[in-house]
């Protein structure tokens, strides 16, 4: 899963600066192979340079999709727990 996909729909707001979503980054993704869960840590910064971080746990589900040629391949889809 790409950072762009992990950032889709995520917003960051600051009490003074308002919406600071344009500063959002995916700082770290830690996958627990035993449970299939992942912890995604996001970071955002306000105009004063203060950085806030928040982590969320997600369930990783394997999906199978067809390529345009009709071949089958595996991928992963995030789903909030």
C-alpha atoms as a PDB file:
ATOM      1  CA  UNK A   1       0.000   0.000   0.000  1.00  0.00           C
ATOM      2  CA  UNK A   2       1.424   3.399  -0.947  1.00  0.00           C
ATOM      3  CA  UNK A   3       1.674   6.482   1.250  1.00  0.00           C
ATOM      4  CA  UNK A   4      -0.838   8.151  -1.068  1.00  0.00           C
ATOM      5  CA  UNK A   5      -3.340   5.379  -0.361  1.00  0.00           C
ATOM      6  CA  UNK A   6      -2.663   5.526   3.383  1.00  0.00           C
ATOM      7  CA  UNK A   7      -3.210   9.309   3.378  1.00  0.00           C
ATOM      8  CA  UNK A   8      -6.499   9.180   1.430  1.00  0.00           C
ATOM      9  CA  UNK A   9      -9.236  10.728   3.565  1.00  0.00           C
ATOM     10  CA  UNK A  10      -6.921  11.585   6.485  1.00  0.00           C
ATOM     11  CA  UNK A  11      -7.105  15.164   7.797  1.00  0.00           C
ATOM     12  CA  UNK A  12      -5.045  17.130  10.325  1.00  0.00           C
ATOM     13  CA  UNK A  13      -6.321  20.215  12.111  1.00  0.00           C
ATOM     14  CA  UNK A  14      -4.561  22.655  14.422  1.00  0.00           C
ATOM     15  CA  UNK A  15      -6.415  24.799  16.969  1.00  0.00           C
ATOM     16  CA  UNK A  16      -4.659  27.956  15.704  1.00  0.00           C
ATOM     17  CA  UNK A  17      -3.779  27.233  12.071  1.00  0.00           C
ATOM     18  CA  UNK A  18      -6.871  25.235  11.168  1.00  0.00           C
ATOM     19  CA  UNK A  19      -6.458  22.619   8.442  1.00  0.00           C
ATOM     20  CA  UNK A  20      -2.828  21.479   8.155  1.00  0.00           C
ATOM     21  CA  UNK A  21      -3.602  18.352   6.137  1.00  0.00           C
ATOM     22  CA  UNK A  22      -1.194  19.481   3.411  1.00  0.00           C
ATOM     23  CA  UNK A  23       1.671  18.709   5.846  1.00  0.00           C
ATOM     24  CA  UNK A  24       0.571  15.134   6.581  1.00  0.00           C
ATOM     25  CA  UNK A  25       3.112  12.353   6.115  1.00  0.00           C
ATOM     26  CA  UNK A  26       3.132   8.640   6.792  1.00  0.00           C
ATOM     27  CA  UNK A  27       5.974   8.350   9.268  1.00  0.00           C
ATOM     28  CA  UNK A  28       6.007   4.609   9.816  1.00  0.00           C
ATOM     29  CA  UNK A  29       4.083   1.419   9.061  1.00  0.00           C
ATOM     30  CA  UNK A  30       4.672  -1.583  11.302  1.00  0.00           C
ATOM     31  CA  UNK A  31       3.074  -4.860  10.217  1.00  0.00           C
ATOM     32  CA  UNK A  32       2.555  -7.719  12.675  1.00  0.00           C
ATOM     33  CA  UNK A  33       2.837 -10.803  10.479  1.00  0.00           C
ATOM     34  CA  UNK A  34       1.249 -13.007  13.164  1.00  0.00           C
ATOM     35  CA  UNK A  35      -1.999 -11.040  13.450  1.00  0.00           C
ATOM     36  CA  UNK A  36      -2.161  -9.417  10.023  1.00  0.00           C
ATOM     37  CA  UNK A  37      -2.591  -6.009  11.669  1.00  0.00           C
ATOM     38  CA  UNK A  38      -0.554  -2.913  10.899  1.00  0.00           C
ATOM     39  CA  UNK A  39       0.086   0.220  12.931  1.00  0.00           C
ATOM     40  CA  UNK A  40       0.335   3.337  10.765  1.00  0.00           C
ATOM     41  CA  UNK A  41       1.898   6.436  12.318  1.00  0.00           C
ATOM     42  CA  UNK A  42       1.056   9.800  10.746  1.00  0.00           C
ATOM     43  CA  UNK A  43       2.729  13.151  11.371  1.00  0.00           C
ATOM     44  CA  UNK A  44       1.651  16.726  10.670  1.00  0.00           C
ATOM     45  CA  UNK A  45       3.180  20.151  11.350  1.00  0.00           C
ATOM     46  CA  UNK A  46       1.663  23.553  12.136  1.00  0.00           C
ATOM     47  CA  UNK A  47       3.001  26.954  11.012  1.00  0.00           C
ATOM     48  CA  UNK A  48       5.090  27.263  14.203  1.00  0.00           C
ATOM     49  CA  UNK A  49       6.906  24.024  13.415  1.00  0.00           C
ATOM     50  CA  UNK A  50       5.155  21.973  16.093  1.00  0.00           C
ATOM     51  CA  UNK A  51       4.820  18.344  15.069  1.00  0.00           C
ATOM     52  CA  UNK A  52       1.966  16.071  16.108  1.00  0.00           C
ATOM     53  CA  UNK A  53       1.900  12.320  15.603  1.00  0.00           C
ATOM     54  CA  UNK A  54      -0.975   9.856  15.758  1.00  0.00           C
ATOM     55  CA  UNK A  55      -0.995   6.105  15.247  1.00  0.00           C
ATOM     56  CA  UNK A  56      -3.868   3.927  14.092  1.00  0.00           C
ATOM     57  CA  UNK A  57      -4.168   0.165  14.010  1.00  0.00           C
ATOM     58  CA  UNK A  58      -5.510  -1.380  10.820  1.00  0.00           C
ATOM     59  CA  UNK A  59      -6.377  -4.869   9.711  1.00  0.00           C
ATOM     60  CA  UNK A  60      -4.637  -5.926   6.539  1.00  0.00           C
ATOM     61  CA  UNK A  61      -6.818  -8.106   4.326  1.00  0.00           C
ATOM     62  CA  UNK A  62      -5.507  -9.971   1.317  1.00  0.00           C
ATOM     63  CA  UNK A  63      -7.451  -9.317  -1.859  1.00  0.00           C
ATOM     64  CA  UNK A  64      -7.212 -11.017  -5.209  1.00  0.00           C
ATOM     65  CA  UNK A  65      -7.835  -8.998  -8.334  1.00  0.00           C
ATOM     66  CA  UNK A  66      -7.621  -9.671 -12.057  1.00  0.00           C
ATOM     67  CA  UNK A  67      -5.062  -7.864 -14.187  1.00  0.00           C
ATOM     68  CA  UNK A  68      -6.358  -6.547 -17.521  1.00  0.00           C
ATOM     69  CA  UNK A  69      -4.910  -9.648 -19.206  1.00  0.00           C
ATOM     70  CA  UNK A  70      -6.993 -11.837 -16.895  1.00  0.00           C
ATOM     71  CA  UNK A  71      -4.159 -13.121 -14.678  1.00  0.00           C
ATOM     72  CA  UNK A  72      -4.735 -13.310 -10.938  1.00  0.00           C
ATOM     73  CA  UNK A  73      -2.432 -11.567  -8.463  1.00  0.00           C
ATOM     74  CA  UNK A  74      -2.563 -10.829  -4.720  1.00  0.00           C
ATOM     75  CA  UNK A  75      -2.532  -7.457  -2.998  1.00  0.00           C
ATOM     76  CA  UNK A  76      -3.539  -5.896   0.288  1.00  0.00           C
ATOM     77  CA  UNK A  77      -6.373  -3.620   1.262  1.00  0.00           C
ATOM     78  CA  UNK A  78      -6.526  -1.643   4.524  1.00  0.00           C
ATOM     79  CA  UNK A  79      -9.601  -1.822   6.680  1.00  0.00           C
ATOM     80  CA  UNK A  80     -10.030   0.007   9.999  1.00  0.00           C
ATOM     81  CA  UNK A  81     -10.471  -2.280  12.971  1.00  0.00           C
END
